[in-house]
Amino acid sequence: MIVYEDGCLLAGVDPKEVERIAKGIEKYAKQAQKLKITVFGGSSGTLRFDDNPTEAENRSIILAEMQGKWDGGCGAGWEDDDRILRGE
């Protein structure tokens, strides 16, 4: 799991809380994987913060990436000009 502190701070979210939530989700995703259950969440499991829901191009801030088996969409991400990782 990776928590992106810069993105958390930009979103006004405590990075430690994001880490706690991500660890819990990751734990259950790994348990599900052992049971051959797929958790949907894009091509990778992420926690995202939508900082501009009115923008035509969805550029949510990726707060954390988690290990486990994920499915349900592309889940693409890229760095913006300020080096903040953003998602589709």
N, C-alpha and C. Protein backbone atom coordinates (compact mmCIF):
# COMPACT_ATOMS: atom_id res chain seq x y z
N MET A 1 0.84 -1.17 0.00
CA MET A 1 0.00 0.00 0.00
C MET A 1 0.89 1.23 0.00
N ILE A 2 0.45 2.23 -0.73
CA ILE A 2 1.15 3.51 -0.78
C ILE A 2 0.14 4.60 -0.44
N VAL A 3 0.47 5.45 0.50
CA VAL A 3 -0.35 6.63 0.80
C VAL A 3 0.39 7.85 0.26
N TYR A 4 -0.29 8.64 -0.55
CA TYR A 4 0.31 9.84 -1.14
C TYR A 4 0.00 11.04 -0.25
N GLU A 5 0.96 11.38 0.62
CA GLU A 5 0.76 12.42 1.61
C GLU A 5 0.46 13.78 0.97
N ASP A 6 1.15 14.11 -0.12
CA ASP A 6 0.89 15.40 -0.78
C ASP A 6 -0.57 15.51 -1.22
N GLY A 7 -1.10 14.43 -1.80
CA GLY A 7 -2.49 14.43 -2.24
C GLY A 7 -3.45 14.52 -1.06
N CYS A 8 -3.13 13.82 0.02
CA CYS A 8 -3.97 13.88 1.23
C CYS A 8 -4.02 15.30 1.77
N LEU A 9 -2.85 15.93 1.87
CA LEU A 9 -2.80 17.28 2.41
C LEU A 9 -3.53 18.26 1.51
N LEU A 10 -3.39 18.10 0.19
CA LEU A 10 -4.10 18.96 -0.76
C LEU A 10 -5.61 18.81 -0.59
N ALA A 11 -6.06 17.59 -0.33
CA ALA A 11 -7.49 17.31 -0.16
C ALA A 11 -7.99 17.68 1.23
N GLY A 12 -7.08 18.01 2.15
CA GLY A 12 -7.47 18.34 3.51
C GLY A 12 -7.84 17.11 4.33
N VAL A 13 -7.21 15.98 3.99
CA VAL A 13 -7.49 14.71 4.65
C VAL A 13 -6.24 14.25 5.39
N ASP A 14 -6.41 13.76 6.62
CA ASP A 14 -5.30 13.29 7.43
C ASP A 14 -4.69 12.03 6.80
N PRO A 15 -3.41 12.07 6.41
CA PRO A 15 -2.78 10.90 5.79
C PRO A 15 -2.83 9.65 6.68
N LYS A 16 -2.78 9.81 7.99
CA LYS A 16 -2.84 8.66 8.91
C LYS A 16 -4.21 7.99 8.85
N GLU A 17 -5.27 8.79 8.72
CA GLU A 17 -6.62 8.23 8.59
C GLU A 17 -6.76 7.50 7.26
N VAL A 18 -6.21 8.07 6.19
CA VAL A 18 -6.25 7.42 4.88
C VAL A 18 -5.50 6.08 4.97
N GLU A 19 -4.34 6.08 5.62
CA GLU A 19 -3.57 4.85 5.79
C GLU A 19 -4.37 3.80 6.57
N ARG A 20 -5.03 4.22 7.64
CA ARG A 20 -5.82 3.29 8.46
C ARG A 20 -6.93 2.66 7.63
N ILE A 21 -7.65 3.50 6.87
CA ILE A 21 -8.75 3.00 6.03
C ILE A 21 -8.21 2.07 4.95
N ALA A 22 -7.14 2.50 4.28
CA ALA A 22 -6.56 1.69 3.21
C ALA A 22 -6.08 0.34 3.72
N LYS A 23 -5.46 0.31 4.90
CA LYS A 23 -4.98 -0.95 5.48
C LYS A 23 -6.15 -1.89 5.73
N GLY A 24 -7.26 -1.35 6.24
CA GLY A 24 -8.43 -2.18 6.50
C GLY A 24 -9.02 -2.75 5.22
N ILE A 25 -9.17 -1.90 4.20
CA ILE A 25 -9.72 -2.35 2.92
C ILE A 25 -8.78 -3.37 2.29
N GLU A 26 -7.48 -3.09 2.34
CA GLU A 26 -6.50 -4.00 1.77
C GLU A 26 -6.54 -5.36 2.46
N LYS A 27 -6.69 -5.35 3.77
CA LYS A 27 -6.76 -6.59 4.54
C LYS A 27 -7.92 -7.45 4.06
N TYR A 28 -9.09 -6.84 3.92
CA TYR A 28 -10.26 -7.60 3.50
C TYR A 28 -10.18 -7.99 2.02
N ALA A 29 -9.56 -7.16 1.21
CA ALA A 29 -9.38 -7.51 -0.20
C ALA A 29 -8.48 -8.74 -0.34
N LYS A 30 -7.45 -8.81 0.49
CA LYS A 30 -6.55 -9.96 0.46
C LYS A 30 -7.27 -11.22 0.95
N GLN A 31 -8.12 -11.08 1.98
CA GLN A 31 -8.90 -12.22 2.46
C GLN A 31 -9.87 -12.70 1.38
N ALA A 32 -10.50 -11.74 0.70
CA ALA A 32 -11.42 -12.09 -0.39
C ALA A 32 -10.68 -12.83 -1.50
N GLN A 33 -9.49 -12.36 -1.82
CA GLN A 33 -8.69 -12.99 -2.88
C GLN A 33 -8.40 -14.44 -2.53
N LYS A 34 -8.09 -14.71 -1.26
CA LYS A 34 -7.83 -16.09 -0.84
C LYS A 34 -9.05 -16.99 -1.05
N LEU A 35 -10.24 -16.39 -0.97
CA LEU A 35 -11.48 -17.13 -1.18
C LEU A 35 -11.95 -17.07 -2.63
N LYS A 36 -11.08 -16.53 -3.50
CA LYS A 36 -11.38 -16.37 -4.93
C LYS A 36 -12.56 -15.45 -5.16
N ILE A 37 -12.71 -14.46 -4.28
CA ILE A 37 -13.73 -13.43 -4.43
C ILE A 37 -13.04 -12.18 -4.94
N THR A 38 -13.63 -11.52 -5.96
CA THR A 38 -13.05 -10.32 -6.53
C THR A 38 -13.74 -9.09 -5.96
N VAL A 39 -12.97 -8.15 -5.48
CA VAL A 39 -13.49 -6.86 -5.03
C VAL A 39 -13.38 -5.90 -6.22
N PHE A 40 -14.49 -5.25 -6.59
CA PHE A 40 -14.45 -4.32 -7.72
C PHE A 40 -13.87 -2.99 -7.27
N GLY A 41 -13.08 -2.38 -8.15
CA GLY A 41 -12.49 -1.11 -7.79
C GLY A 41 -11.59 -0.52 -8.86
N GLY A 42 -11.73 -0.95 -10.09
CA GLY A 42 -10.82 -0.48 -11.13
C GLY A 42 -9.70 -1.48 -11.31
N SER A 43 -8.75 -1.18 -12.19
CA SER A 43 -7.65 -2.11 -12.43
C SER A 43 -6.71 -2.17 -11.23
N SER A 44 -6.82 -1.20 -10.34
CA SER A 44 -6.09 -1.22 -9.07
C SER A 44 -7.01 -0.69 -7.99
N GLY A 45 -6.81 -1.13 -6.76
CA GLY A 45 -7.61 -0.63 -5.66
C GLY A 45 -7.07 0.71 -5.21
N THR A 46 -7.90 1.72 -5.23
CA THR A 46 -7.45 3.04 -4.80
C THR A 46 -8.52 3.70 -3.95
N LEU A 47 -8.08 4.63 -3.12
CA LEU A 47 -8.97 5.56 -2.43
C LEU A 47 -8.81 6.90 -3.12
N ARG A 48 -9.91 7.50 -3.53
CA ARG A 48 -9.85 8.73 -4.32
C ARG A 48 -10.70 9.82 -3.71
N PHE A 49 -10.26 11.06 -3.88
CA PHE A 49 -10.97 12.24 -3.39
C PHE A 49 -11.31 13.11 -4.59
N ASP A 50 -12.61 13.42 -4.77
CA ASP A 50 -13.04 14.23 -5.90
C ASP A 50 -13.02 15.69 -5.48
N ASP A 51 -11.99 16.42 -5.91
CA ASP A 51 -11.85 17.82 -5.48
C ASP A 51 -12.51 18.81 -6.42
N ASN A 52 -13.11 18.35 -7.53
CA ASN A 52 -13.79 19.26 -8.45
C ASN A 52 -14.85 18.48 -9.22
N PRO A 53 -15.99 18.16 -8.57
CA PRO A 53 -17.00 17.31 -9.23
C PRO A 53 -17.69 17.95 -10.42
N THR A 54 -17.54 19.26 -10.61
CA THR A 54 -18.20 19.93 -11.74
C THR A 54 -17.34 19.93 -12.99
N GLU A 55 -16.08 19.57 -12.85
CA GLU A 55 -15.18 19.56 -14.00
C GLU A 55 -15.55 18.42 -14.95
N ALA A 56 -15.61 18.71 -16.25
CA ALA A 56 -15.99 17.70 -17.24
C ALA A 56 -15.04 16.51 -17.22
N GLU A 57 -13.75 16.76 -17.10
CA GLU A 57 -12.74 15.71 -17.04
C GLU A 57 -12.54 15.34 -15.57
N ASN A 58 -12.93 14.12 -15.20
CA ASN A 58 -12.80 13.70 -13.81
C ASN A 58 -11.32 13.58 -13.47
N ARG A 59 -10.86 14.38 -12.52
CA ARG A 59 -9.45 14.40 -12.12
C ARG A 59 -9.36 14.22 -10.61
N SER A 60 -9.89 13.13 -10.11
CA SER A 60 -9.85 12.90 -8.68
C SER A 60 -8.42 12.73 -8.20
N ILE A 61 -8.19 13.06 -6.93
CA ILE A 61 -6.87 12.89 -6.32
C ILE A 61 -6.78 11.47 -5.78
N ILE A 62 -5.75 10.74 -6.18
CA ILE A 62 -5.54 9.40 -5.65
C ILE A 62 -4.83 9.54 -4.31
N LEU A 63 -5.52 9.09 -3.25
CA LEU A 63 -4.98 9.22 -1.89
C LEU A 63 -4.17 7.99 -1.48
N ALA A 64 -4.53 6.82 -1.99
CA ALA A 64 -3.83 5.59 -1.61
C ALA A 64 -4.06 4.53 -2.68
N GLU A 65 -3.07 3.66 -2.86
CA GLU A 65 -3.21 2.48 -3.70
C GLU A 65 -3.06 1.26 -2.80
N MET A 66 -3.87 0.24 -3.07
CA MET A 66 -3.87 -0.94 -2.21
C MET A 66 -3.59 -2.20 -3.00
N GLN A 67 -3.00 -3.18 -2.34
CA GLN A 67 -2.75 -4.48 -2.94
C GLN A 67 -4.02 -5.30 -2.87
N GLY A 68 -4.10 -6.33 -3.67
CA GLY A 68 -5.26 -7.21 -3.70
C GLY A 68 -5.74 -7.36 -5.13
N LYS A 69 -6.77 -8.16 -5.33
CA LYS A 69 -7.33 -8.37 -6.66
C LYS A 69 -8.49 -7.41 -6.86
N TRP A 70 -8.39 -6.57 -7.89
CA TRP A 70 -9.39 -5.53 -8.15
C TRP A 70 -9.86 -5.65 -9.59
N ASP A 71 -11.11 -5.32 -9.83
CA ASP A 71 -11.65 -5.32 -11.18
C ASP A 71 -12.80 -4.33 -11.23
N GLY A 72 -13.12 -3.83 -12.41
CA GLY A 72 -14.27 -2.97 -12.54
C GLY A 72 -14.06 -1.73 -13.38
N GLY A 73 -12.93 -1.57 -14.01
CA GLY A 73 -12.69 -0.40 -14.85
C GLY A 73 -11.20 -0.20 -15.07
N CYS A 74 -10.87 0.89 -15.71
CA CYS A 74 -9.48 1.16 -16.07
C CYS A 74 -8.65 1.54 -14.85
N GLY A 75 -9.09 2.55 -14.09
CA GLY A 75 -8.33 2.97 -12.91
C GLY A 75 -7.06 3.72 -13.23
N ALA A 76 -6.97 4.31 -14.42
CA ALA A 76 -5.75 5.02 -14.84
C ALA A 76 -5.44 6.20 -13.93
N GLY A 77 -4.17 6.53 -13.83
CA GLY A 77 -3.72 7.67 -13.05
C GLY A 77 -2.50 8.30 -13.70
N TRP A 78 -2.27 9.58 -13.44
CA TRP A 78 -1.13 10.30 -13.98
C TRP A 78 -0.79 11.45 -13.05
N GLU A 79 0.44 11.95 -13.15
CA GLU A 79 0.86 13.11 -12.37
C GLU A 79 0.47 14.38 -13.10
N ASP A 80 -0.10 15.35 -12.35
CA ASP A 80 -0.41 16.63 -12.96
C ASP A 80 0.82 17.53 -12.93
N ASP A 81 0.68 18.77 -13.33
CA ASP A 81 1.82 19.70 -13.39
C ASP A 81 2.44 19.96 -12.01
N ASP A 82 1.64 19.77 -10.94
CA ASP A 82 2.14 19.97 -9.58
C ASP A 82 2.63 18.68 -8.94
N ARG A 83 2.77 17.62 -9.75
CA ARG A 83 3.25 16.31 -9.32
C ARG A 83 2.31 15.63 -8.33
N ILE A 84 1.00 15.95 -8.43
CA ILE A 84 -0.03 15.26 -7.65
C ILE A 84 -0.58 14.16 -8.54
N LEU A 85 -0.65 12.92 -7.99
CA LEU A 85 -1.19 11.82 -8.76
C LEU A 85 -2.70 11.94 -8.84
N ARG A 86 -3.24 11.98 -10.06
CA ARG A 86 -4.68 12.16 -10.30
C ARG A 86 -5.20 10.95 -11.07
N GLY A 87 -6.47 10.67 -10.89
CA GLY A 87 -7.10 9.54 -11.56
C GLY A 87 -8.17 9.95 -12.53
N GLU A 88 -8.57 9.02 -13.36
CA GLU A 88 -9.58 9.28 -14.38
C GLU A 88 -10.89 9.73 -13.79
